[in-house]
C-alpha atoms as a PDB file:
ATOM      1  CA  MET A   1      14.453 -21.859  -7.887  1.00  0.00           C
ATOM      2  CA  THR A   2      13.045 -20.153 -10.926  1.00  0.00           C
ATOM      3  CA  ASN A   3      12.290 -16.440 -10.924  1.00  0.00           C
ATOM      4  CA  GLU A   4       8.578 -17.196 -10.678  1.00  0.00           C
ATOM      5  CA  GLU A   5       9.136 -19.481  -7.691  1.00  0.00           C
ATOM      6  CA  LEU A   6      11.283 -16.860  -5.958  1.00  0.00           C
ATOM      7  CA  ASN A   7       8.649 -14.173  -6.467  1.00  0.00           C
ATOM      8  CA  THR A   8       5.928 -16.529  -5.233  1.00  0.00           C
ATOM      9  CA  ALA A   9       7.964 -17.456  -2.165  1.00  0.00           C
ATOM     10  CA  LEU A  10       8.549 -13.788  -1.384  1.00  0.00           C
ATOM     11  CA  TYR A  11       4.872 -12.949  -1.827  1.00  0.00           C
ATOM     12  CA  GLN A  12       3.864 -15.827   0.440  1.00  0.00           C
ATOM     13  CA  LYS A  13       6.357 -14.772   3.111  1.00  0.00           C
ATOM     14  CA  MET A  14       5.178 -11.173   3.005  1.00  0.00           C
ATOM     15  CA  PHE A  15       1.521 -12.253   2.969  1.00  0.00           C
ATOM     16  CA  ALA A  16       2.088 -14.384   6.075  1.00  0.00           C
ATOM     17  CA  GLU A  17       3.810 -11.426   7.716  1.00  0.00           C
ATOM     18  CA  GLN A  18       0.788  -9.251   6.946  1.00  0.00           C
ATOM     19  CA  GLU A  19      -1.608 -11.856   8.312  1.00  0.00           C
ATOM     20  CA  LYS A  20       0.348 -11.951  11.566  1.00  0.00           C
ATOM     21  CA  TYR A  21       0.253  -8.137  11.722  1.00  0.00           C
ATOM     22  CA  ARG A  22      -3.503  -8.188  11.013  1.00  0.00           C
ATOM     23  CA  GLU A  23      -4.121 -10.714  13.790  1.00  0.00           C
ATOM     24  CA  TRP A  24      -2.135  -8.542  16.207  1.00  0.00           C
ATOM     25  CA  LEU A  25      -4.014  -5.437  15.074  1.00  0.00           C
ATOM     26  CA  LEU A  26      -7.413  -7.045  15.604  1.00  0.00           C
ATOM     27  CA  CYS A  27      -6.522  -7.690  19.252  1.00  0.00           C
ATOM     28  CA  GLN A  28      -5.764  -4.013  19.884  1.00  0.00           C
ATOM     29  CA  PRO A  29      -8.174  -1.410  21.286  1.00  0.00           C
ATOM     30  CA  SER A  30     -10.136   0.549  18.673  1.00  0.00           C
ATOM     31  CA  GLU A  31      -8.000   3.654  19.030  1.00  0.00           C
ATOM     32  CA  ALA A  32      -4.805   1.688  18.438  1.00  0.00           C
ATOM     33  CA  VAL A  33      -6.355   0.117  15.344  1.00  0.00           C
ATOM     34  CA  LEU A  34      -7.113   3.592  14.002  1.00  0.00           C
ATOM     35  CA  ASP A  35      -3.541   4.674  14.775  1.00  0.00           C
ATOM     36  CA  HIS A  36      -2.229   1.810  12.607  1.00  0.00           C
ATOM     37  CA  THR A  37      -4.702   2.121   9.729  1.00  0.00           C
ATOM     38  CA  TYR A  38      -2.237   3.905   7.435  1.00  0.00           C
ATOM     39  CA  GLU A  39       0.459   1.299   8.036  1.00  0.00           C
ATOM     40  CA  TYR A  40      -1.946  -1.572   7.427  1.00  0.00           C
ATOM     41  CA  THR A  41      -3.228  -0.005   4.211  1.00  0.00           C
ATOM     42  CA  MET A  42       0.238   0.739   2.853  1.00  0.00           C
ATOM     43  CA  ARG A  43       1.386  -2.796   3.659  1.00  0.00           C
ATOM     44  CA  GLU A  44      -1.641  -4.092   1.729  1.00  0.00           C
ATOM     45  CA  ASP A  45      -0.633  -1.875  -1.207  1.00  0.00           C
ATOM     46  CA  ILE A  46       2.923  -3.232  -1.056  1.00  0.00           C
ATOM     47  CA  LEU A  47       1.525  -6.761  -1.280  1.00  0.00           C
ATOM     48  CA  LEU A  48      -0.696  -5.746  -4.186  1.00  0.00           C
ATOM     49  CA  ALA A  49       2.266  -4.258  -6.043  1.00  0.00           C
ATOM     50  CA  LEU A  50       4.225  -7.455  -5.475  1.00  0.00           C
ATOM     51  CA  GLU A  51       1.288  -9.546  -6.679  1.00  0.00           C
ATOM     52  CA  TYR A  52       1.134  -7.722 -10.020  1.00  0.00           C
ATOM     53  CA  ASN A  53       4.846  -7.242 -10.639  1.00  0.00           C
ATOM     54  CA  ASP A  54       7.948  -9.408 -10.574  1.00  0.00           C
ATOM     55  CA  LEU A  55      11.327  -8.678  -9.101  1.00  0.00           C
ATOM     56  CA  THR A  56      14.504 -10.055 -10.576  1.00  0.00           C
ATOM     57  CA  SER A  57      15.750 -13.249  -8.988  1.00  0.00           C
ATOM     58  CA  ALA A  58      18.530 -11.323  -7.231  1.00  0.00           C
ATOM     59  CA  GLN A  59      16.036  -8.804  -5.839  1.00  0.00           C
ATOM     60  CA  ALA A  60      13.645 -11.498  -4.625  1.00  0.00           C
ATOM     61  CA  LYS A  61      16.505 -13.435  -2.997  1.00  0.00           C
ATOM     62  CA  ALA A  62      17.730 -10.279  -1.275  1.00  0.00           C
ATOM     63  CA  LEU A  63      14.319  -9.592   0.257  1.00  0.00           C
ATOM     64  CA  LEU A  64      13.787 -13.240   1.160  1.00  0.00           C
ATOM     65  CA  ARG A  65      16.896 -13.062   3.372  1.00  0.00           C
ATOM     66  CA  SER A  66      15.102 -10.630   5.682  1.00  0.00           C
ATOM     67  CA  PRO A  67      13.056 -12.020   8.562  1.00  0.00           C
ATOM     68  CA  SER A  68      10.445  -9.302   7.887  1.00  0.00           C
ATOM     69  CA  PRO A  69      10.656  -8.036   4.301  1.00  0.00           C
ATOM     70  CA  LEU A  70       7.221  -6.404   4.405  1.00  0.00           C
ATOM     71  CA  ALA A  71       8.081  -4.332   7.474  1.00  0.00           C
ATOM     72  CA  ASP A  72      11.418  -3.430   5.864  1.00  0.00           C
ATOM     73  CA  VAL A  73       9.768  -2.205   2.660  1.00  0.00           C
ATOM     74  CA  PHE A  74       7.162  -0.270   4.657  1.00  0.00           C
ATOM     75  CA  LYS A  75       9.884   1.445   6.722  1.00  0.00           C
ATOM     76  CA  ASP A  76      11.619   2.511   3.505  1.00  0.00           C
ATOM     77  CA  TRP A  77       8.279   3.655   2.047  1.00  0.00           C
ATOM     78  CA  GLU A  78       7.659   5.916   5.044  1.00  0.00           C
ATOM     79  CA  LYS A  79      10.957   7.709   4.395  1.00  0.00           C
ATOM     80  CA  ARG A  80      10.108   8.498   0.761  1.00  0.00           C
ATOM     81  CA  GLU A  81       8.643  11.719  -0.493  1.00  0.00           C
ATOM     82  CA  SER A  82       5.408  11.082  -2.320  1.00  0.00           C
ATOM     83  CA  SER A  83       3.035  13.165  -4.406  1.00  0.00           C
ATOM     84  CA  HIS A  84       0.093  11.530  -2.644  1.00  0.00           C
ATOM     85  CA  MET A  85      -1.060  14.693  -0.854  1.00  0.00           C
ATOM     86  CA  ASP A  86      -0.608  16.759  -4.022  1.00  0.00           C
ATOM     87  CA  GLU A  87      -2.793  14.293  -5.903  1.00  0.00           C
ATOM     88  CA  ILE A  88      -5.466  14.466  -3.201  1.00  0.00           C
ATOM     89  CA  TRP A  89      -5.405  18.270  -3.354  1.00  0.00           C
ATOM     90  CA  GLU A  90      -5.654  18.222  -7.166  1.00  0.00           C
ATOM     91  CA  THR A  91      -8.664  15.905  -6.875  1.00  0.00           C
ATOM     92  CA  ILE A  92     -10.376  18.235  -4.375  1.00  0.00           C
ATOM     93  CA  VAL A  93      -9.806  21.231  -6.656  1.00  0.00           C
ATOM     94  CA  ALA A  94     -11.001  19.322  -9.731  1.00  0.00           C
ATOM     95  CA  ARG A  95     -14.160  18.169  -7.940  1.00  0.00           C
ATOM     96  CA  ALA A  96     -14.926  21.704  -6.748  1.00  0.00           C
ATOM     97  CA  ASN A  97     -14.422  23.038 -10.275  1.00  0.00           C
ATOM     98  CA  THR A  98     -16.752  20.358 -11.680  1.00  0.00           C
ATOM     99  CA  VAL A  99     -19.476  21.336  -9.198  1.00  0.00           C
ATOM    100  CA  ILE A 100     -19.014  25.030 -10.074  1.00  0.00           C
ATOM    101  CA  ALA A 101     -19.201  24.284 -13.809  1.00  0.00           C
ATOM    102  CA  ARG A 102     -22.379  22.220 -13.377  1.00  0.00           C
ATOM    103  CA  ALA A 103     -23.982  24.970 -11.306  1.00  0.00           C
ATOM    104  CA  LYS A 104     -23.164  27.567 -13.987  1.00  0.00           C
ATOM    105  CA  ALA A 105     -24.591  25.312 -16.706  1.00  0.00           C
ATOM    106  CA  GLY A 106     -27.930  25.262 -14.916  1.00  0.00           C
ATOM    107  CA  PRO A 107     -30.268  22.346 -14.287  1.00  0.00           C
ATOM    108  CA  GLU A 108     -30.091  19.402 -16.629  1.00  0.00           C
ATOM    109  CA  ARG A 109     -33.110  18.743 -18.812  1.00  0.00           C
END
Protein backbone atom coordinates (compact mmCIF):
# COMPACT_ATOMS: atom_id res chain seq x y z
CA MET A 1 0.00 0.00 0.00
CA THR A 2 1.11 3.53 -0.67
CA ASN A 3 1.37 6.07 2.12
CA GLU A 4 -1.81 7.74 0.88
CA GLU A 5 -3.68 4.43 0.89
CA LEU A 6 -2.47 3.64 4.41
CA ASN A 7 -3.59 7.03 5.70
CA THR A 8 -6.95 6.64 3.96
CA ALA A 9 -7.42 3.16 5.40
CA LEU A 10 -6.61 4.43 8.88
CA TYR A 11 -8.99 7.37 8.52
CA GLN A 12 -11.77 5.08 7.32
CA LYS A 13 -11.21 2.66 10.20
CA MET A 14 -11.24 5.46 12.75
CA PHE A 15 -14.28 7.08 11.11
CA ALA A 16 -16.18 3.78 11.30
CA GLU A 17 -15.17 3.48 14.95
CA GLN A 18 -16.55 6.96 15.60
CA GLU A 19 -19.79 6.17 13.81
CA LYS A 20 -20.25 3.10 16.00
CA TYR A 21 -19.56 5.21 19.10
CA ARG A 22 -22.04 7.85 17.87
CA GLU A 23 -24.74 5.23 17.31
CA TRP A 24 -24.17 3.89 20.83
CA LEU A 25 -24.24 7.41 22.26
CA LEU A 26 -27.53 8.26 20.57
CA CYS A 27 -29.17 5.29 22.32
CA GLN A 28 -28.14 6.55 25.76
CA PRO A 29 -30.25 8.68 28.12
CA SER A 30 -29.76 12.44 27.78
CA GLU A 31 -27.63 12.71 30.90
CA ALA A 32 -25.25 10.01 29.67
CA VAL A 33 -24.95 11.80 26.34
CA LEU A 34 -23.96 14.98 28.17
CA ASP A 35 -21.42 13.00 30.22
CA HIS A 36 -19.76 11.82 26.99
CA THR A 37 -19.88 15.11 25.08
CA TYR A 38 -16.21 15.93 25.70
CA GLU A 39 -15.08 12.49 24.54
CA TYR A 40 -17.21 12.67 21.41
CA THR A 41 -15.93 16.14 20.55
CA MET A 42 -12.28 15.24 21.10
CA ARG A 43 -12.67 12.10 18.99
CA GLU A 44 -14.14 14.28 16.22
CA ASP A 45 -11.11 16.58 16.52
CA ILE A 46 -8.77 13.59 16.28
CA LEU A 47 -10.51 12.57 13.05
CA LEU A 48 -10.25 16.12 11.74
CA ALA A 49 -6.53 16.22 12.48
CA LEU A 50 -6.08 12.92 10.68
CA GLU A 51 -8.09 14.19 7.71
CA TYR A 52 -5.81 17.20 7.23
CA ASN A 53 -2.47 15.58 8.04
CA ASP A 54 -0.61 12.46 7.00
CA LEU A 55 1.28 10.00 9.13
CA THR A 56 4.30 8.14 7.86
CA SER A 57 3.59 4.69 6.49
CA ALA A 58 5.12 3.11 9.60
CA GLN A 59 2.93 5.25 11.87
CA ALA A 60 -0.24 4.49 9.92
CA LYS A 61 0.55 0.75 9.91
CA ALA A 62 1.18 0.82 13.66
CA LEU A 63 -2.21 2.40 14.36
CA LEU A 64 -3.98 0.15 11.86
CA ARG A 65 -2.86 -2.87 13.92
CA SER A 66 -5.08 -1.73 16.79
CA PRO A 67 -8.68 -2.90 16.90
CA SER A 68 -9.68 0.58 18.12
CA PRO A 69 -7.09 3.20 17.13
CA LEU A 70 -9.43 6.13 17.77
CA ALA A 71 -10.14 5.04 21.34
CA ASP A 72 -6.40 4.45 21.84
CA VAL A 73 -5.49 7.95 20.65
CA PHE A 74 -8.25 9.48 22.77
CA LYS A 75 -7.00 7.64 25.88
CA ASP A 76 -3.51 9.01 25.26
CA TRP A 77 -4.95 12.49 24.64
CA GLU A 78 -6.71 12.45 28.02
CA LYS A 79 -3.38 11.84 29.76
CA ARG A 80 -1.69 14.85 28.14
CA GLU A 81 -1.34 18.25 29.68
CA SER A 82 -2.89 20.88 27.45
CA SER A 83 -3.00 24.66 27.42
CA HIS A 84 -6.68 24.51 26.51
CA MET A 85 -7.93 25.98 29.80
CA ASP A 86 -5.23 28.66 29.74
CA GLU A 87 -6.34 29.65 26.25
CA ILE A 88 -9.97 29.83 27.36
CA TRP A 89 -8.98 32.03 30.31
CA GLU A 90 -6.91 34.30 28.05
CA THR A 91 -9.92 34.65 25.74
CA ILE A 92 -12.21 35.58 28.66
CA VAL A 93 -9.73 38.21 29.86
CA ALA A 94 -9.24 39.60 26.34
CA ARG A 95 -13.01 39.84 25.78
CA ALA A 96 -13.51 41.62 29.11
CA ASN A 97 -10.72 44.06 28.27
CA THR A 98 -12.28 44.75 24.85
CA VAL A 99 -15.64 45.54 26.47
CA ILE A 100 -13.93 47.83 29.00
CA ALA A 101 -12.01 49.64 26.24
CA ARG A 102 -15.18 50.14 24.18
CA ALA A 103 -17.03 51.49 27.21
CA LYS A 104 -14.22 53.98 27.92
CA ALA A 105 -14.20 55.10 24.28
CA GLY A 106 -17.85 56.07 24.56
CA PRO A 107 -20.68 55.48 22.11
CA GLU A 108 -19.81 55.04 18.48
CA ARG A 109 -20.98 57.72 16.07
